[in-house]
Amino acid sequence: MKPTLERFGMSLATAATLLSAGCMGQPMGRQPPTPVPVVEPAAGATGAPVSGATAIAPQPGAQISDAQIHDFVMVHRVPGALATNLTIVSTNLVTHQQLRAILHSANLGLADRAPLYLVVMSGTFVFSGPPGQKPTYPYAIEVFDARTGNLLQIGGLPRAPRLPAGG
């Protein structure tokens, strides 16, 4: 049994040496990469159909309500982000087609007329990013399927999205 432990110890020591050598080879104090401009999705771009994550349970035969969305957002905040000073700016019932135009996003694989709730929040939203970087945004969004209550999309935005008239 002793030779196995010695080999394990040697492997562990070798791995640690290689890891530290790799980290030491990274230049310190480099500037973060230059941000790239937002690019519109290609015409007809379609992602895999989404079902989302279970979030809000609608009443039988009904869509989720503004009150349910408000309660969920205030309790669960924005998954994957540290959210501080969160305020709900708006809750909008939109179609999938409208959502794509508002967020400049690809097709989620839903029908164009599928009803969705777009929740716009303000505050400070810190997302995880590459090592040493924490993308921070003043706005965040969550998109819920109005029929199932599933959370379909989250994200941070540098400015509030432009909503359609009456939205």
Protein backbone atom coordinates (compact mmCIF):
# COMPACT_ATOMS: atom_id res chain seq x y z
CA MET A 1 0.00 0.00 0.00
CA LYS A 2 2.89 2.38 0.67
CA PRO A 3 4.05 2.46 -3.00
CA THR A 4 0.52 3.53 -4.06
CA LEU A 5 0.50 6.40 -1.55
CA GLU A 6 3.97 7.47 -2.69
CA ARG A 7 2.83 7.48 -6.33
CA PHE A 8 -0.25 9.47 -5.38
CA GLY A 9 1.91 11.96 -3.51
CA MET A 10 4.29 12.26 -6.47
CA SER A 11 1.35 12.78 -8.88
CA LEU A 12 -0.12 15.40 -6.59
CA ALA A 13 3.21 17.21 -6.28
CA THR A 14 3.73 17.11 -10.06
CA ALA A 15 0.23 18.48 -10.69
CA ALA A 16 0.77 21.30 -8.19
CA THR A 17 4.10 22.21 -9.79
CA LEU A 18 2.61 22.29 -13.29
CA LEU A 19 -0.39 24.30 -12.14
CA SER A 20 1.73 26.90 -10.37
CA ALA A 21 4.09 27.14 -13.34
CA GLY A 22 1.14 27.76 -15.64
CA CYS A 23 -0.28 30.45 -13.36
CA MET A 24 3.13 32.08 -12.92
CA GLY A 25 3.46 32.30 -16.70
CA GLN A 26 0.44 34.64 -16.91
CA PRO A 27 1.43 38.29 -17.19
CA MET A 28 0.31 40.32 -14.19
CA GLY A 29 -1.42 43.66 -14.47
CA ARG A 30 -2.71 43.14 -18.00
CA GLN A 31 -5.64 45.26 -19.04
CA PRO A 32 -8.94 43.46 -19.54
CA PRO A 33 -9.82 42.77 -23.18
CA THR A 34 -11.52 45.50 -25.16
CA PRO A 35 -15.30 44.99 -25.14
CA VAL A 36 -16.77 43.84 -28.41
CA PRO A 37 -19.85 45.57 -29.83
CA VAL A 38 -23.20 43.84 -29.58
CA VAL A 39 -23.96 41.97 -32.79
CA GLU A 40 -27.52 41.32 -33.91
CA PRO A 41 -28.34 37.62 -34.33
CA ALA A 42 -28.36 36.37 -37.90
CA ALA A 43 -31.73 36.43 -39.60
CA GLY A 44 -33.58 33.26 -38.71
CA ALA A 45 -31.13 32.37 -35.91
CA THR A 46 -32.80 29.85 -33.67
CA GLY A 47 -31.60 28.37 -30.43
CA ALA A 48 -32.72 25.02 -29.14
CA PRO A 49 -36.31 25.18 -27.85
CA VAL A 50 -36.19 26.18 -24.21
CA SER A 51 -38.32 24.92 -21.38
CA GLY A 52 -36.53 26.92 -18.71
CA ALA A 53 -36.18 26.32 -15.01
CA THR A 54 -39.16 25.78 -12.76
CA ALA A 55 -39.92 29.07 -11.03
CA ILE A 56 -43.56 30.11 -10.52
CA ALA A 57 -46.54 27.75 -10.35
CA PRO A 58 -49.49 29.25 -12.25
CA GLN A 59 -53.02 28.66 -11.03
CA PRO A 60 -54.73 25.84 -13.00
CA GLY A 61 -55.89 27.15 -16.38
CA ALA A 62 -54.36 30.60 -15.83
CA GLN A 63 -51.17 32.49 -16.56
CA ILE A 64 -48.80 33.65 -13.87
CA SER A 65 -49.64 37.03 -12.33
CA ASP A 66 -47.70 40.26 -11.73
CA ALA A 67 -47.96 39.62 -7.98
CA GLN A 68 -46.45 36.12 -8.33
CA ILE A 69 -43.61 37.49 -10.46
CA HIS A 70 -42.91 40.30 -7.98
CA ASP A 71 -42.82 37.86 -5.06
CA PHE A 72 -40.53 35.44 -6.91
CA VAL A 73 -38.08 38.12 -8.06
CA MET A 74 -37.84 39.78 -4.64
CA VAL A 75 -37.18 36.43 -2.89
CA HIS A 76 -34.94 34.72 -5.45
CA ARG A 77 -33.24 37.76 -6.97
CA VAL A 78 -31.29 37.11 -10.20
CA PRO A 79 -29.88 33.57 -10.42
CA GLY A 80 -26.14 33.58 -11.04
CA ALA A 81 -25.67 37.21 -9.95
CA LEU A 82 -25.09 39.12 -6.77
CA ALA A 83 -27.92 41.65 -6.81
CA THR A 84 -27.95 44.69 -4.53
CA ASN A 85 -30.41 47.60 -4.36
CA LEU A 86 -32.76 45.60 -6.60
CA THR A 87 -35.88 47.42 -7.74
CA ILE A 88 -38.39 46.11 -10.24
CA VAL A 89 -38.68 48.78 -12.95
CA SER A 90 -41.35 47.02 -15.00
CA THR A 91 -43.15 43.76 -15.63
CA ASN A 92 -44.34 43.47 -19.23
CA LEU A 93 -46.44 40.83 -20.94
CA VAL A 94 -44.92 40.53 -24.44
CA THR A 95 -44.89 38.00 -27.24
CA HIS A 96 -41.80 36.00 -28.08
CA GLN A 97 -41.44 38.03 -31.28
CA GLN A 98 -41.58 41.32 -29.31
CA LEU A 99 -39.04 40.01 -26.81
CA ARG A 100 -36.55 39.22 -29.57
CA ALA A 101 -36.91 42.77 -30.90
CA ILE A 102 -36.60 44.37 -27.45
CA LEU A 103 -33.53 42.36 -26.36
CA HIS A 104 -32.02 41.86 -29.83
CA SER A 105 -31.85 38.15 -29.05
CA ALA A 106 -32.05 34.96 -31.04
CA ASN A 107 -35.19 32.87 -31.32
CA LEU A 108 -35.79 30.79 -28.19
CA GLY A 109 -37.52 28.11 -30.23
CA LEU A 110 -40.99 29.25 -29.14
CA ALA A 111 -43.94 30.34 -31.26
CA ASP A 112 -43.78 34.03 -32.23
CA ARG A 113 -47.00 34.71 -30.32
CA ALA A 114 -46.01 32.76 -27.18
CA PRO A 115 -46.80 34.95 -24.16
CA LEU A 116 -43.80 35.86 -22.03
CA TYR A 117 -43.20 38.17 -19.09
CA LEU A 118 -40.18 40.44 -19.34
CA VAL A 119 -39.11 41.74 -15.94
CA VAL A 120 -36.71 44.70 -15.97
CA MET A 121 -34.84 45.44 -12.74
CA SER A 122 -32.46 48.19 -11.72
CA GLY A 123 -29.74 48.00 -9.08
CA THR A 124 -26.24 46.58 -9.13
CA PHE A 125 -25.91 43.12 -10.68
CA VAL A 126 -22.53 41.40 -10.48
CA PHE A 127 -22.21 38.24 -12.58
CA SER A 128 -19.40 35.70 -12.52
CA GLY A 129 -16.95 36.10 -15.37
CA PRO A 130 -13.46 35.13 -16.42
CA PRO A 131 -10.92 34.85 -13.58
CA GLY A 132 -10.36 38.24 -12.01
CA GLN A 133 -13.33 39.85 -13.76
CA LYS A 134 -16.84 40.45 -12.48
CA PRO A 135 -19.14 41.90 -15.14
CA THR A 136 -21.38 44.45 -13.41
CA TYR A 137 -24.56 45.95 -14.83
CA PRO A 138 -27.05 48.58 -13.66
CA TYR A 139 -29.99 46.65 -15.15
CA ALA A 140 -30.98 43.00 -15.26
CA ILE A 141 -33.80 41.11 -16.94
CA GLU A 142 -35.65 37.90 -16.31
CA VAL A 143 -37.98 36.31 -18.85
CA PHE A 144 -40.75 33.98 -17.71
CA ASP A 145 -43.07 31.78 -19.76
CA ALA A 146 -46.47 33.30 -18.92
CA ARG A 147 -48.23 29.92 -19.20
CA THR A 148 -45.84 27.63 -17.31
CA GLY A 149 -44.15 30.14 -15.00
CA ASN A 150 -40.73 28.78 -15.99
CA LEU A 151 -37.75 31.14 -15.95
CA LEU A 152 -36.41 31.13 -19.51
CA GLN A 153 -33.73 33.81 -19.63
CA ILE A 154 -31.70 36.08 -17.34
CA GLY A 155 -29.05 38.65 -18.03
CA GLY A 156 -27.43 41.97 -17.26
CA LEU A 157 -27.78 45.07 -19.41
CA PRO A 158 -25.81 48.33 -19.55
CA ARG A 159 -29.07 50.30 -20.01
CA ALA A 160 -32.79 49.68 -19.70
CA PRO A 161 -34.31 48.02 -22.77
CA ARG A 162 -36.63 50.06 -24.95
CA LEU A 163 -40.11 48.66 -24.54
CA PRO A 164 -42.87 48.88 -27.15
CA ALA A 165 -45.38 51.70 -26.76
CA GLY A 166 -47.88 50.83 -24.06
CA GLY A 167 -45.38 48.29 -22.55
